[in-house]
Amino acid sequence: MVKKLSRSEKNKMIGGVCAGFGEYFDIDYTLVRLIFVALALMTAIFPMLIFYIVAWIVIPIDKKK
């Protein structure tokens, strides 16, 4: 079975991007969110905000779960 990156519809807070990455890499999505926030704070928030918005637009929603 081929793994595909997709946004989570079930575990989303805003767009489901962090939960989707967590499911794809098989790690807790809360940990992914914490890492995302830490990176955003270290990079002055704007670059990570742009990354999140682009990922929200580009990554499809997982309709199966």
N, C-alpha and C. Protein backbone atom coordinates (compact mmCIF):
# COMPACT_ATOMS: atom_id res chain seq x y z
N MET A 1 0.84 -1.18 0.00
CA MET A 1 0.00 0.00 0.00
C MET A 1 0.89 1.24 0.00
N VAL A 2 0.59 2.15 -0.88
CA VAL A 2 1.37 3.38 -1.01
C VAL A 2 0.80 4.44 -0.08
N LYS A 3 1.68 5.05 0.71
CA LYS A 3 1.28 6.13 1.60
C LYS A 3 1.20 7.43 0.81
N LYS A 4 0.15 8.20 1.03
CA LYS A 4 0.03 9.50 0.38
C LYS A 4 -0.18 10.55 1.45
N LEU A 5 0.49 11.68 1.27
CA LEU A 5 0.34 12.80 2.18
C LEU A 5 -1.00 13.47 1.92
N SER A 6 -1.78 13.64 2.97
CA SER A 6 -3.07 14.31 2.85
C SER A 6 -3.40 15.01 4.15
N ARG A 7 -4.23 16.03 4.06
CA ARG A 7 -4.66 16.74 5.26
C ARG A 7 -5.69 15.91 5.99
N SER A 8 -5.63 15.93 7.31
CA SER A 8 -6.56 15.15 8.11
C SER A 8 -7.88 15.90 8.27
N GLU A 9 -8.95 15.25 8.00
CA GLU A 9 -10.28 15.82 8.21
C GLU A 9 -10.76 15.54 9.63
N LYS A 10 -10.23 14.47 10.22
CA LYS A 10 -10.67 14.02 11.54
C LYS A 10 -9.99 14.76 12.69
N ASN A 11 -8.68 14.99 12.59
CA ASN A 11 -7.90 15.56 13.69
C ASN A 11 -7.48 17.00 13.45
N LYS A 12 -8.17 17.71 12.63
CA LYS A 12 -7.71 19.05 12.29
C LYS A 12 -8.08 20.08 13.36
N MET A 13 -7.23 21.09 13.47
CA MET A 13 -7.53 22.24 14.33
C MET A 13 -7.85 23.45 13.44
N ILE A 14 -6.99 23.70 12.47
CA ILE A 14 -7.23 24.79 11.52
C ILE A 14 -7.46 24.19 10.14
N GLY A 15 -6.41 23.66 9.54
CA GLY A 15 -6.54 23.12 8.20
C GLY A 15 -6.24 21.64 8.09
N GLY A 16 -5.73 21.03 9.15
CA GLY A 16 -5.42 19.61 9.13
C GLY A 16 -4.05 19.29 8.60
N VAL A 17 -3.21 20.31 8.35
CA VAL A 17 -1.89 20.09 7.78
C VAL A 17 -0.98 19.36 8.76
N CYS A 18 -0.87 19.82 9.98
CA CYS A 18 0.01 19.18 10.97
C CYS A 18 -0.45 17.76 11.29
N ALA A 19 -1.75 17.56 11.40
CA ALA A 19 -2.27 16.21 11.65
C ALA A 19 -2.00 15.30 10.46
N GLY A 20 -2.07 15.84 9.27
CA GLY A 20 -1.75 15.06 8.08
C GLY A 20 -0.29 14.63 8.05
N PHE A 21 0.62 15.55 8.41
CA PHE A 21 2.03 15.20 8.49
C PHE A 21 2.25 14.16 9.58
N GLY A 22 1.57 14.29 10.70
CA GLY A 22 1.69 13.31 11.77
C GLY A 22 1.25 11.92 11.35
N GLU A 23 0.14 11.84 10.64
CA GLU A 23 -0.34 10.55 10.15
C GLU A 23 0.61 9.98 9.10
N TYR A 24 1.15 10.82 8.24
CA TYR A 24 2.05 10.36 7.19
C TYR A 24 3.34 9.78 7.77
N PHE A 25 3.92 10.47 8.75
CA PHE A 25 5.17 10.02 9.36
C PHE A 25 4.93 9.10 10.56
N ASP A 26 3.68 8.79 10.85
CA ASP A 26 3.29 7.87 11.91
C ASP A 26 3.82 8.32 13.29
N ILE A 27 3.63 9.62 13.58
CA ILE A 27 3.95 10.17 14.89
C ILE A 27 2.74 10.95 15.39
N ASP A 28 2.73 11.26 16.66
CA ASP A 28 1.61 11.96 17.27
C ASP A 28 1.46 13.35 16.64
N TYR A 29 0.27 13.68 16.21
CA TYR A 29 0.05 14.96 15.55
C TYR A 29 0.20 16.13 16.50
N THR A 30 0.04 15.91 17.80
CA THR A 30 0.28 16.97 18.78
C THR A 30 1.75 17.35 18.81
N LEU A 31 2.63 16.37 18.70
CA LEU A 31 4.06 16.62 18.63
C LEU A 31 4.40 17.42 17.38
N VAL A 32 3.78 17.09 16.27
CA VAL A 32 4.01 17.84 15.03
C VAL A 32 3.57 19.29 15.20
N ARG A 33 2.45 19.50 15.86
CA ARG A 33 1.97 20.87 16.11
C ARG A 33 2.95 21.64 16.98
N LEU A 34 3.46 21.00 18.03
CA LEU A 34 4.43 21.66 18.91
C LEU A 34 5.72 22.01 18.17
N ILE A 35 6.19 21.11 17.34
CA ILE A 35 7.38 21.38 16.53
C ILE A 35 7.11 22.52 15.57
N PHE A 36 5.94 22.54 14.95
CA PHE A 36 5.58 23.62 14.03
C PHE A 36 5.58 24.97 14.75
N VAL A 37 4.99 25.03 15.93
CA VAL A 37 4.94 26.29 16.70
C VAL A 37 6.35 26.73 17.09
N ALA A 38 7.18 25.79 17.53
CA ALA A 38 8.56 26.12 17.90
C ALA A 38 9.33 26.68 16.70
N LEU A 39 9.19 26.03 15.55
CA LEU A 39 9.85 26.53 14.34
C LEU A 39 9.31 27.89 13.93
N ALA A 40 8.02 28.09 14.08
CA ALA A 40 7.42 29.38 13.73
C ALA A 40 7.97 30.48 14.62
N LEU A 41 8.12 30.21 15.90
CA LEU A 41 8.65 31.21 16.82
C LEU A 41 10.12 31.51 16.55
N MET A 42 10.87 30.50 16.13
CA MET A 42 12.29 30.71 15.84
C MET A 42 12.53 31.42 14.51
N THR A 43 11.58 31.34 13.59
CA THR A 43 11.75 31.96 12.27
C THR A 43 10.89 33.20 12.10
N ALA A 44 10.51 33.82 13.18
CA ALA A 44 9.72 35.06 13.16
C ALA A 44 8.32 34.86 12.57
N ILE A 45 7.77 33.69 12.67
CA ILE A 45 6.40 33.30 12.35
C ILE A 45 6.03 33.39 10.87
N PHE A 46 6.40 34.46 10.19
CA PHE A 46 5.95 34.69 8.81
C PHE A 46 6.30 33.55 7.84
N PRO A 47 7.56 33.05 7.81
CA PRO A 47 7.86 31.96 6.86
C PRO A 47 7.03 30.70 7.11
N MET A 48 6.82 30.35 8.37
CA MET A 48 6.03 29.16 8.67
C MET A 48 4.55 29.38 8.36
N LEU A 49 4.09 30.59 8.52
CA LEU A 49 2.71 30.91 8.17
C LEU A 49 2.50 30.76 6.67
N ILE A 50 3.45 31.25 5.88
CA ILE A 50 3.38 31.08 4.43
C ILE A 50 3.42 29.60 4.06
N PHE A 51 4.33 28.83 4.69
CA PHE A 51 4.42 27.39 4.44
C PHE A 51 3.09 26.70 4.74
N TYR A 52 2.48 27.04 5.89
CA TYR A 52 1.23 26.40 6.29
C TYR A 52 0.11 26.71 5.28
N ILE A 53 0.02 27.96 4.86
CA ILE A 53 -1.03 28.35 3.91
C ILE A 53 -0.84 27.64 2.57
N VAL A 54 0.40 27.57 2.10
CA VAL A 54 0.67 26.87 0.83
C VAL A 54 0.36 25.38 0.97
N ALA A 55 0.77 24.77 2.09
CA ALA A 55 0.47 23.35 2.32
C ALA A 55 -1.03 23.12 2.41
N TRP A 56 -1.76 24.04 3.02
CA TRP A 56 -3.21 23.94 3.15
C TRP A 56 -3.87 23.93 1.76
N ILE A 57 -3.33 24.72 0.86
CA ILE A 57 -3.89 24.80 -0.49
C ILE A 57 -3.49 23.60 -1.34
N VAL A 58 -2.22 23.15 -1.22
CA VAL A 58 -1.68 22.13 -2.11
C VAL A 58 -2.02 20.70 -1.70
N ILE A 59 -1.99 20.40 -0.40
CA ILE A 59 -2.20 19.03 0.07
C ILE A 59 -3.71 18.71 0.08
N PRO A 60 -4.10 17.63 -0.58
CA PRO A 60 -5.53 17.28 -0.63
C PRO A 60 -6.06 16.75 0.71
N ILE A 61 -7.36 16.83 0.89
CA ILE A 61 -8.02 16.31 2.08
C ILE A 61 -8.16 14.80 1.96
N ASP A 62 -7.95 14.10 3.07
CA ASP A 62 -8.13 12.64 3.10
C ASP A 62 -9.61 12.34 3.30
N LYS A 63 -10.26 11.88 2.27
CA LYS A 63 -11.70 11.60 2.32
C LYS A 63 -12.02 10.22 2.90
N LYS A 64 -11.02 9.34 3.00
CA LYS A 64 -11.26 7.96 3.43
C LYS A 64 -11.48 7.82 4.93
N LYS A 65 -10.87 8.70 5.73
CA LYS A 65 -10.90 8.53 7.19
C LYS A 65 -12.01 9.29 7.82
